[in-house]
Amino acid sequence: MAKAYWISAYHTIHDADALAAYAKLALPAITAAGGKFLARGMPAAVKEQGIAQRTVLVEFESVDAALAAYNSPAYQEAVAALGTQAVVRDLRIIEGT
């Protein structure tokens, strides 16, 4: 079974305190669900049509594991702490090759 990855790109951060509250809850929720943080932060370089924005890359054992982590009560508590106005981001789950 192929590994899967969360790719989360933060287009805009409006409330750094809410993001910090989210991160405090999200990190243990994601790692407890088997997620392994591979990279997070600002890009070292941006090429072509890229945008310099905070990006997070997390590895999971499978798409099912990534989806289960996202839907878990612990992670959804983190999402609730983030609220609806703190950030503009997109989170993609992609299967590895």
PDB file of N, CA and C in Angstrom:
ATOM      1  N   MET A   1       0.851  -1.178   0.000  1.00  0.00           N
ATOM      2  CA  MET A   1       0.000   0.000   0.000  1.00  0.00           C
ATOM      3  C   MET A   1       0.899   1.245   0.000  1.00  0.00           C
ATOM      4  N   ALA A   2       0.550   2.201  -0.829  1.00  0.00           N
ATOM      5  CA  ALA A   2       1.346   3.425  -0.971  1.00  0.00           C
ATOM      6  C   ALA A   2       1.143   4.353   0.228  1.00  0.00           C
ATOM      7  N   LYS A   3       2.188   5.038   0.584  1.00  0.00           N
ATOM      8  CA  LYS A   3       2.092   6.067   1.621  1.00  0.00           C
ATOM      9  C   LYS A   3       1.230   7.213   1.095  1.00  0.00           C
ATOM     10  N   ALA A   4       0.803   8.059   2.011  1.00  0.00           N
ATOM     11  CA  ALA A   4       0.010   9.228   1.636  1.00  0.00           C
ATOM     12  C   ALA A   4       0.583  10.434   2.354  1.00  0.00           C
ATOM     13  N   TYR A   5       0.289  11.606   1.814  1.00  0.00           N
ATOM     14  CA  TYR A   5       0.845  12.847   2.340  1.00  0.00           C
ATOM     15  C   TYR A   5      -0.233  13.905   2.455  1.00  0.00           C
ATOM     16  N   TRP A   6      -0.179  14.639   3.576  1.00  0.00           N
ATOM     17  CA  TRP A   6      -0.954  15.868   3.719  1.00  0.00           C
ATOM     18  C   TRP A   6      -0.047  16.979   3.238  1.00  0.00           C
ATOM     19  N   ILE A   7      -0.556  17.795   2.372  1.00  0.00           N
ATOM     20  CA  ILE A   7       0.140  19.012   1.976  1.00  0.00           C
ATOM     21  C   ILE A   7      -0.786  20.165   2.325  1.00  0.00           C
ATOM     22  N   SER A   8      -0.354  20.967   3.265  1.00  0.00           N
ATOM     23  CA  SER A   8      -1.170  22.076   3.733  1.00  0.00           C
ATOM     24  C   SER A   8      -0.460  23.382   3.408  1.00  0.00           C
ATOM     25  N   ALA A   9      -1.117  24.215   2.614  1.00  0.00           N
ATOM     26  CA  ALA A   9      -0.547  25.502   2.204  1.00  0.00           C
ATOM     27  C   ALA A   9      -1.374  26.623   2.820  1.00  0.00           C
ATOM     28  N   TYR A  10      -0.698  27.488   3.543  1.00  0.00           N
ATOM     29  CA  TYR A  10      -1.340  28.614   4.216  1.00  0.00           C
ATOM     30  C   TYR A  10      -1.223  29.840   3.326  1.00  0.00           C
ATOM     31  N   HIS A  11      -2.310  30.214   2.669  1.00  0.00           N
ATOM     32  CA  HIS A  11      -2.304  31.357   1.766  1.00  0.00           C
ATOM     33  C   HIS A  11      -2.212  32.673   2.535  1.00  0.00           C
ATOM     34  N   THR A  12      -2.948  32.758   3.654  1.00  0.00           N
ATOM     35  CA  THR A  12      -2.963  33.963   4.483  1.00  0.00           C
ATOM     36  C   THR A  12      -3.155  33.555   5.934  1.00  0.00           C
ATOM     37  N   ILE A  13      -2.429  34.211   6.830  1.00  0.00           N
ATOM     38  CA  ILE A  13      -2.615  34.004   8.265  1.00  0.00           C
ATOM     39  C   ILE A  13      -3.120  35.321   8.849  1.00  0.00           C
ATOM     40  N   HIS A  14      -4.374  35.302   9.319  1.00  0.00           N
ATOM     41  CA  HIS A  14      -5.000  36.494   9.884  1.00  0.00           C
ATOM     42  C   HIS A  14      -4.855  36.564  11.399  1.00  0.00           C
ATOM     43  N   ASP A  15      -4.743  35.401  12.049  1.00  0.00           N
ATOM     44  CA  ASP A  15      -4.724  35.349  13.517  1.00  0.00           C
ATOM     45  C   ASP A  15      -3.660  34.358  13.970  1.00  0.00           C
ATOM     46  N   ALA A  16      -2.477  34.864  14.263  1.00  0.00           N
ATOM     47  CA  ALA A  16      -1.351  34.011  14.670  1.00  0.00           C
ATOM     48  C   ALA A  16      -1.635  33.298  15.987  1.00  0.00           C
ATOM     49  N   ASP A  17      -2.386  33.916  16.885  1.00  0.00           N
ATOM     50  CA  ASP A  17      -2.710  33.267  18.160  1.00  0.00           C
ATOM     51  C   ASP A  17      -3.604  32.049  17.945  1.00  0.00           C
ATOM     52  N   ALA A  18      -4.580  32.156  17.065  1.00  0.00           N
ATOM     53  CA  ALA A  18      -5.451  31.012  16.762  1.00  0.00           C
ATOM     54  C   ALA A  18      -4.649  29.912  16.077  1.00  0.00           C
ATOM     55  N   LEU A  19      -3.718  30.289  15.213  1.00  0.00           N
ATOM     56  CA  LEU A  19      -2.867  29.290  14.556  1.00  0.00           C
ATOM     57  C   LEU A  19      -2.010  28.569  15.590  1.00  0.00           C
ATOM     58  N   ALA A  20      -1.495  29.285  16.567  1.00  0.00           N
ATOM     59  CA  ALA A  20      -0.696  28.671  17.630  1.00  0.00           C
ATOM     60  C   ALA A  20      -1.547  27.711  18.469  1.00  0.00           C
ATOM     61  N   ALA A  21      -2.784  28.097  18.763  1.00  0.00           N
ATOM     62  CA  ALA A  21      -3.696  27.225  19.521  1.00  0.00           C
ATOM     63  C   ALA A  21      -3.993  25.958  18.727  1.00  0.00           C
ATOM     64  N   TYR A  22      -4.206  26.125  17.429  1.00  0.00           N
ATOM     65  CA  TYR A  22      -4.425  24.975  16.541  1.00  0.00           C
ATOM     66  C   TYR A  22      -3.206  24.059  16.558  1.00  0.00           C
ATOM     67  N   ALA A  23      -2.016  24.626  16.386  1.00  0.00           N
ATOM     68  CA  ALA A  23      -0.788  23.829  16.309  1.00  0.00           C
ATOM     69  C   ALA A  23      -0.559  23.044  17.593  1.00  0.00           C
ATOM     70  N   LYS A  24      -0.867  23.648  18.726  1.00  0.00           N
ATOM     71  CA  LYS A  24      -0.679  22.979  20.019  1.00  0.00           C
ATOM     72  C   LYS A  24      -1.524  21.710  20.113  1.00  0.00           C
ATOM     73  N   LEU A  25      -2.708  21.728  19.518  1.00  0.00           N
ATOM     74  CA  LEU A  25      -3.596  20.568  19.513  1.00  0.00           C
ATOM     75  C   LEU A  25      -3.337  19.647  18.322  1.00  0.00           C
ATOM     76  N   ALA A  26      -3.026  20.227  17.174  1.00  0.00           N
ATOM     77  CA  ALA A  26      -2.884  19.444  15.946  1.00  0.00           C
ATOM     78  C   ALA A  26      -1.667  18.538  15.965  1.00  0.00           C
ATOM     79  N   LEU A  27      -0.535  19.028  16.455  1.00  0.00           N
ATOM     80  CA  LEU A  27       0.690  18.235  16.433  1.00  0.00           C
ATOM     81  C   LEU A  27       0.507  16.899  17.148  1.00  0.00           C
ATOM     82  N   PRO A  28       0.041  16.861  18.403  1.00  0.00           N
ATOM     83  CA  PRO A  28      -0.134  15.557  19.036  1.00  0.00           C
ATOM     84  C   PRO A  28      -1.243  14.719  18.399  1.00  0.00           C
ATOM     85  N   ALA A  29      -2.286  15.363  17.880  1.00  0.00           N
ATOM     86  CA  ALA A  29      -3.366  14.615  17.231  1.00  0.00           C
ATOM     87  C   ALA A  29      -2.859  13.916  15.972  1.00  0.00           C
ATOM     88  N   ILE A  30      -2.058  14.621  15.191  1.00  0.00           N
ATOM     89  CA  ILE A  30      -1.535  14.061  13.938  1.00  0.00           C
ATOM     90  C   ILE A  30      -0.518  12.964  14.226  1.00  0.00           C
ATOM     91  N   THR A  31       0.390  13.201  15.145  1.00  0.00           N
ATOM     92  CA  THR A  31       1.401  12.178  15.442  1.00  0.00           C
ATOM     93  C   THR A  31       0.766  10.953  16.086  1.00  0.00           C
ATOM     94  N   ALA A  32      -0.249  11.129  16.942  1.00  0.00           N
ATOM     95  CA  ALA A  32      -0.942   9.986  17.546  1.00  0.00           C
ATOM     96  C   ALA A  32      -1.641   9.143  16.489  1.00  0.00           C
ATOM     97  N   ALA A  33      -2.023   9.769  15.380  1.00  0.00           N
ATOM     98  CA  ALA A  33      -2.693   9.059  14.293  1.00  0.00           C
ATOM     99  C   ALA A  33      -1.700   8.474  13.297  1.00  0.00           C
ATOM    100  N   GLY A  34      -0.411   8.545  13.616  1.00  0.00           N
ATOM    101  CA  GLY A  34       0.603   7.945  12.753  1.00  0.00           C
ATOM    102  C   GLY A  34       1.260   8.894  11.785  1.00  0.00           C
ATOM    103  N   GLY A  35       0.928  10.172  11.862  1.00  0.00           N
ATOM    104  CA  GLY A  35       1.525  11.142  10.954  1.00  0.00           C
ATOM    105  C   GLY A  35       2.962  11.461  11.343  1.00  0.00           C
ATOM    106  N   LYS A  36       3.792  11.630  10.328  1.00  0.00           N
ATOM    107  CA  LYS A  36       5.202  11.978  10.528  1.00  0.00           C
ATOM    108  C   LYS A  36       5.454  13.291   9.785  1.00  0.00           C
ATOM    109  N   PHE A  37       5.808  14.346  10.536  1.00  0.00           N
ATOM    110  CA  PHE A  37       6.072  15.638   9.919  1.00  0.00           C
ATOM    111  C   PHE A  37       7.397  15.564   9.151  1.00  0.00           C
ATOM    112  N   LEU A  38       7.335  15.842   7.854  1.00  0.00           N
ATOM    113  CA  LEU A  38       8.530  15.823   7.012  1.00  0.00           C
ATOM    114  C   LEU A  38       9.079  17.219   6.783  1.00  0.00           C
ATOM    115  N   ALA A  39       8.208  18.207   6.723  1.00  0.00           N
ATOM    116  CA  ALA A  39       8.643  19.594   6.511  1.00  0.00           C
ATOM    117  C   ALA A  39       7.531  20.518   6.958  1.00  0.00           C
ATOM    118  N   ARG A  40       7.931  21.689   7.469  1.00  0.00           N
ATOM    119  CA  ARG A  40       6.954  22.729   7.791  1.00  0.00           C
ATOM    120  C   ARG A  40       7.697  24.048   7.904  1.00  0.00           C
ATOM    121  N   GLY A  41       7.041  25.091   7.446  1.00  0.00           N
ATOM    122  CA  GLY A  41       7.634  26.417   7.498  1.00  0.00           C
ATOM    123  C   GLY A  41       7.547  27.106   6.153  1.00  0.00           C
ATOM    124  N   MET A  42       8.356  28.122   5.997  1.00  0.00           N
ATOM    125  CA  MET A  42       8.398  28.887   4.750  1.00  0.00           C
ATOM    126  C   MET A  42       9.325  28.180   3.762  1.00  0.00           C
ATOM    127  N   PRO A  43       9.024  28.254   2.457  1.00  0.00           N
ATOM    128  CA  PRO A  43       9.875  27.584   1.475  1.00  0.00           C
ATOM    129  C   PRO A  43      11.265  28.215   1.389  1.00  0.00           C
ATOM    130  N   ALA A  44      12.242  27.365   1.128  1.00  0.00           N
ATOM    131  CA  ALA A  44      13.613  27.836   0.939  1.00  0.00           C
ATOM    132  C   ALA A  44      13.744  28.575  -0.389  1.00  0.00           C
ATOM    133  N   ALA A  45      12.934  28.186  -1.360  1.00  0.00           N
ATOM    134  CA  ALA A  45      12.934  28.833  -2.675  1.00  0.00           C
ATOM    135  C   ALA A  45      11.550  28.648  -3.284  1.00  0.00           C
ATOM    136  N   VAL A  46      11.147  29.585  -4.108  1.00  0.00           N
ATOM    137  CA  VAL A  46       9.872  29.514  -4.816  1.00  0.00           C
ATOM    138  C   VAL A  46      10.167  29.691  -6.295  1.00  0.00           C
ATOM    139  N   LYS A  47       9.697  28.786  -7.126  1.00  0.00           N
ATOM    140  CA  LYS A  47       9.962  28.811  -8.563  1.00  0.00           C
ATOM    141  C   LYS A  47       8.652  28.822  -9.350  1.00  0.00           C
ATOM    142  N   GLU A  48       8.763  29.207 -10.578  1.00  0.00           N
ATOM    143  CA  GLU A  48       7.660  29.258 -11.541  1.00  0.00           C
ATOM    144  C   GLU A  48       6.487  30.047 -10.982  1.00  0.00           C
ATOM    145  N   GLN A  49       5.325  29.464 -10.824  1.00  0.00           N
ATOM    146  CA  GLN A  49       4.139  30.191 -10.339  1.00  0.00           C
ATOM    147  C   GLN A  49       3.962  30.060  -8.828  1.00  0.00           C
ATOM    148  N   GLY A  50       4.985  29.575  -8.115  1.00  0.00           N
ATOM    149  CA  GLY A  50       4.896  29.342  -6.676  1.00  0.00           C
ATOM    150  C   GLY A  50       4.702  30.618  -5.882  1.00  0.00           C
ATOM    151  N   ILE A  51       4.199  30.460  -4.673  1.00  0.00           N
ATOM    152  CA  ILE A  51       3.942  31.568  -3.758  1.00  0.00           C
ATOM    153  C   ILE A  51       4.689  31.273  -2.465  1.00  0.00           C
ATOM    154  N   ALA A  52       5.374  32.253  -1.936  1.00  0.00           N
ATOM    155  CA  ALA A  52       6.075  32.096  -0.663  1.00  0.00           C
ATOM    156  C   ALA A  52       5.044  32.096   0.465  1.00  0.00           C
ATOM    157  N   GLN A  53       4.678  30.901   0.927  1.00  0.00           N
ATOM    158  CA  GLN A  53       3.677  30.759   1.969  1.00  0.00           C
ATOM    159  C   GLN A  53       4.032  29.577   2.857  1.00  0.00           C
ATOM    160  N   ARG A  54       3.585  29.624   4.088  1.00  0.00           N
ATOM    161  CA  ARG A  54       3.827  28.521   5.016  1.00  0.00           C
ATOM    162  C   ARG A  54       3.245  27.246   4.422  1.00  0.00           C
ATOM    163  N   THR A  55       4.031  26.179   4.466  1.00  0.00           N
ATOM    164  CA  THR A  55       3.613  24.892   3.932  1.00  0.00           C
ATOM    165  C   THR A  55       3.984  23.806   4.940  1.00  0.00           C
ATOM    166  N   VAL A  56       3.103  22.818   5.074  1.00  0.00           N
ATOM    167  CA  VAL A  56       3.350  21.699   5.974  1.00  0.00           C
ATOM    168  C   VAL A  56       3.174  20.410   5.182  1.00  0.00           C
ATOM    169  N   LEU A  57       4.123  19.479   5.356  1.00  0.00           N
ATOM    170  CA  LEU A  57       4.095  18.188   4.682  1.00  0.00           C
ATOM    171  C   LEU A  57       4.157  17.093   5.743  1.00  0.00           C
ATOM    172  N   VAL A  58       3.120  16.226   5.760  1.00  0.00           N
ATOM    173  CA  VAL A  58       3.027  15.148   6.746  1.00  0.00           C
ATOM    174  C   VAL A  58       2.838  13.834   6.007  1.00  0.00           C
ATOM    175  N   GLU A  59       3.587  12.812   6.421  1.00  0.00           N
ATOM    176  CA  GLU A  59       3.504  11.485   5.804  1.00  0.00           C
ATOM    177  C   GLU A  59       2.649  10.554   6.660  1.00  0.00           C
ATOM    178  N   PHE A  60       1.825   9.754   5.987  1.00  0.00           N
ATOM    179  CA  PHE A  60       1.016   8.718   6.634  1.00  0.00           C
ATOM    180  C   PHE A  60       1.252   7.390   5.917  1.00  0.00           C
ATOM    181  N   GLU A  61       0.887   6.317   6.558  1.00  0.00           N
ATOM    182  CA  GLU A  61       1.076   4.985   5.970  1.00  0.00           C
ATOM    183  C   GLU A  61       0.168   4.728   4.767  1.00  0.00           C
ATOM    184  N   SER A  62      -0.960   5.436   4.683  1.00  0.00           N
ATOM    185  CA  SER A  62      -1.905   5.207   3.588  1.00  0.00           C
ATOM    186  C   SER A  62      -2.875   6.381   3.512  1.00  0.00           C
ATOM    187  N   VAL A  63      -3.633   6.424   2.428  1.00  0.00           N
ATOM    188  CA  VAL A  63      -4.687   7.430   2.300  1.00  0.00           C
ATOM    189  C   VAL A  63      -5.720   7.238   3.401  1.00  0.00           C
ATOM    190  N   ASP A  64      -6.069   5.976   3.679  1.00  0.00           N
ATOM    191  CA  ASP A  64      -7.046   5.715   4.737  1.00  0.00           C
ATOM    192  C   ASP A  64      -6.560   6.254   6.079  1.00  0.00           C
ATOM    193  N   ALA A  65      -5.274   6.080   6.379  1.00  0.00           N
ATOM    194  CA  ALA A  65      -4.723   6.582   7.641  1.00  0.00           C
ATOM    195  C   ALA A  65      -4.750   8.107   7.669  1.00  0.00           C
ATOM    196  N   ALA A  66      -4.449   8.746   6.544  1.00  0.00           N
ATOM    197  CA  ALA A  66      -4.474  10.213   6.470  1.00  0.00           C
ATOM    198  C   ALA A  66      -5.894  10.736   6.661  1.00  0.00           C
ATOM    199  N   LEU A  67      -6.854  10.087   6.028  1.00  0.00           N
ATOM    200  CA  LEU A  67      -8.255  10.496   6.178  1.00  0.00           C
ATOM    201  C   LEU A  67      -8.750  10.263   7.598  1.00  0.00           C
ATOM    202  N   ALA A  68      -8.355   9.137   8.191  1.00  0.00           N
ATOM    203  CA  ALA A  68      -8.757   8.857   9.573  1.00  0.00           C
ATOM    204  C   ALA A  68      -8.172   9.893  10.517  1.00  0.00           C
ATOM    205  N   ALA A  69      -6.940  10.304  10.293  1.00  0.00           N
ATOM    206  CA  ALA A  69      -6.321  11.333  11.127  1.00  0.00           C
ATOM    207  C   ALA A  69      -7.085  12.642  11.002  1.00  0.00           C
ATOM    208  N   TYR A  70      -7.408  13.024   9.771  1.00  0.00           N
ATOM    209  CA  TYR A  70      -8.139  14.275   9.558  1.00  0.00           C
ATOM    210  C   TYR A  70      -9.496  14.242  10.252  1.00  0.00           C
ATOM    211  N   ASN A  71     -10.186  13.128  10.163  1.00  0.00           N
ATOM    212  CA  ASN A  71     -11.534  13.007  10.711  1.00  0.00           C
ATOM    213  C   ASN A  71     -11.567  12.666  12.200  1.00  0.00           C
ATOM    214  N   SER A  72     -10.418  12.439  12.804  1.00  0.00           N
ATOM    215  CA  SER A  72     -10.375  12.046  14.219  1.00  0.00           C
ATOM    216  C   SER A  72     -10.903  13.169  15.107  1.00  0.00           C
ATOM    217  N   PRO A  73     -11.513  12.812  16.221  1.00  0.00           N
ATOM    218  CA  PRO A  73     -11.991  13.837  17.162  1.00  0.00           C
ATOM    219  C   PRO A  73     -10.864  14.766  17.635  1.00  0.00           C
ATOM    220  N   ALA A  74      -9.680  14.227  17.862  1.00  0.00           N
ATOM    221  CA  ALA A  74      -8.569  15.055  18.348  1.00  0.00           C
ATOM    222  C   ALA A  74      -8.171  16.101  17.315  1.00  0.00           C
ATOM    223  N   TYR A  75      -8.101  15.700  16.035  1.00  0.00           N
ATOM    224  CA  TYR A  75      -7.728  16.683  15.012  1.00  0.00           C
ATOM    225  C   TYR A  75      -8.863  17.674  14.772  1.00  0.00           C
ATOM    226  N   GLN A  76     -10.085  17.219  14.809  1.00  0.00           N
ATOM    227  CA  GLN A  76     -11.211  18.128  14.611  1.00  0.00           C
ATOM    228  C   GLN A  76     -11.310  19.146  15.749  1.00  0.00           C
ATOM    229  N   GLU A  77     -10.847  18.780  16.953  1.00  0.00           N
ATOM    230  CA  GLU A  77     -10.764  19.744  18.050  1.00  0.00           C
ATOM    231  C   GLU A  77      -9.754  20.846  17.697  1.00  0.00           C
ATOM    232  N   ALA A  78      -8.642  20.450  17.074  1.00  0.00           N
ATOM    233  CA  ALA A  78      -7.641  21.429  16.638  1.00  0.00           C
ATOM    234  C   ALA A  78      -8.219  22.351  15.576  1.00  0.00           C
ATOM    235  N   VAL A  79      -8.947  21.787  14.628  1.00  0.00           N
ATOM    236  CA  VAL A  79      -9.576  22.592  13.573  1.00  0.00           C
ATOM    237  C   VAL A  79     -10.556  23.584  14.185  1.00  0.00           C
ATOM    238  N   ALA A  80     -11.305  23.146  15.191  1.00  0.00           N
ATOM    239  CA  ALA A  80     -12.252  24.047  15.855  1.00  0.00           C
ATOM    240  C   ALA A  80     -11.512  25.191  16.546  1.00  0.00           C
ATOM    241  N   ALA A  81     -10.352  24.901  17.126  1.00  0.00           N
ATOM    242  CA  ALA A  81      -9.557  25.954  17.777  1.00  0.00           C
ATOM    243  C   ALA A  81      -9.051  26.959  16.748  1.00  0.00           C
ATOM    244  N   LEU A  82      -8.802  26.496  15.539  1.00  0.00           N
ATOM    245  CA  LEU A  82      -8.350  27.388  14.468  1.00  0.00           C
ATOM    246  C   LEU A  82      -9.461  28.333  14.047  1.00  0.00           C
ATOM    247  N   GLY A  83     -10.687  27.841  14.082  1.00  0.00           N
ATOM    248  CA  GLY A  83     -11.818  28.685  13.703  1.00  0.00           C
ATOM    249  C   GLY A  83     -11.930  28.822  12.197  1.00  0.00           C
ATOM    250  N   THR A  84     -12.795  29.713  11.766  1.00  0.00           N
ATOM    251  CA  THR A  84     -13.057  29.863  10.335  1.00  0.00           C
ATOM    252  C   THR A  84     -12.418  31.094   9.718  1.00  0.00           C
ATOM    253  N   GLN A  85     -11.913  32.010  10.537  1.00  0.00           N
ATOM    254  CA  GLN A  85     -11.375  33.266  10.009  1.00  0.00           C
ATOM    255  C   GLN A  85      -9.877  33.448  10.241  1.00  0.00           C
ATOM    256  N   ALA A  86      -9.235  32.538  10.966  1.00  0.00           N
ATOM    257  CA  ALA A  86      -7.832  32.732  11.356  1.00  0.00           C
ATOM    258  C   ALA A  86      -6.864  32.600  10.189  1.00  0.00           C
ATOM    259  N   VAL A  87      -7.154  31.668   9.288  1.00  0.00           N
ATOM    260  CA  VAL A  87      -6.253  31.431   8.155  1.00  0.00           C
ATOM    261  C   VAL A  87      -7.058  31.138   6.900  1.00  0.00           C
ATOM    262  N   VAL A  88      -6.415  31.332   5.785  1.00  0.00           N
ATOM    263  CA  VAL A  88      -6.911  30.832   4.505  1.00  0.00           C
ATOM    264  C   VAL A  88      -5.882  29.800   4.087  1.00  0.00           C
ATOM    265  N   ARG A  89      -6.302  28.545   3.998  1.00  0.00           N
ATOM    266  CA  ARG A  89      -5.363  27.478   3.660  1.00  0.00           C
ATOM    267  C   ARG A  89      -6.082  26.436   2.841  1.00  0.00           C
ATOM    268  N   ASP A  90      -5.295  25.608   2.181  1.00  0.00           N
ATOM    269  CA  ASP A  90      -5.867  24.408   1.586  1.00  0.00           C
ATOM    270  C   ASP A  90      -5.041  23.231   2.038  1.00  0.00           C
ATOM    271  N   LEU A  91      -5.732  22.133   2.300  1.00  0.00           N
ATOM    272  CA  LEU A  91      -5.099  20.908   2.753  1.00  0.00           C
ATOM    273  C   LEU A  91      -5.437  19.830   1.737  1.00  0.00           C
ATOM    274  N   ARG A  92      -4.406  19.234   1.185  1.00  0.00           N
ATOM    275  CA  ARG A  92      -4.598  18.186   0.183  1.00  0.00           C
ATOM    276  C   ARG A  92      -4.033  16.900   0.719  1.00  0.00           C
ATOM    277  N   ILE A  93      -4.706  15.801   0.424  1.00  0.00           N
ATOM    278  CA  ILE A  93      -4.198  14.477   0.754  1.00  0.00           C
ATOM    279  C   ILE A  93      -3.901  13.798  -0.576  1.00  0.00           C
ATOM    280  N   ILE A  94      -2.645  13.392  -0.732  1.00  0.00           N
ATOM    281  CA  ILE A  94      -2.217  12.805  -1.995  1.00  0.00           C
ATOM    282  C   ILE A  94      -1.518  11.477  -1.731  1.00  0.00           C
ATOM    283  N   GLU A  95      -1.792  10.512  -2.596  1.00  0.00           N
ATOM    284  CA  GLU A  95      -1.174   9.202  -2.472  1.00  0.00           C
ATOM    285  C   GLU A  95       0.213   9.215  -3.099  1.00  0.00           C
ATOM    286  N   GLY A  96       1.154   8.589  -2.405  1.00  0.00           N
ATOM    287  CA  GLY A  96       2.510   8.488  -2.930  1.00  0.00           C
ATOM    288  C   GLY A  96       2.599   7.499  -4.084  1.00  0.00           C
ATOM    289  N   THR A  97       3.706   7.557  -4.785  1.00  0.00           N
ATOM    290  CA  THR A  97       3.895   6.640  -5.920  1.00  0.00           C
ATOM    291  C   THR A  97       4.719   5.459  -5.522  1.00  0.00           C
TER     292      THR A  97
END
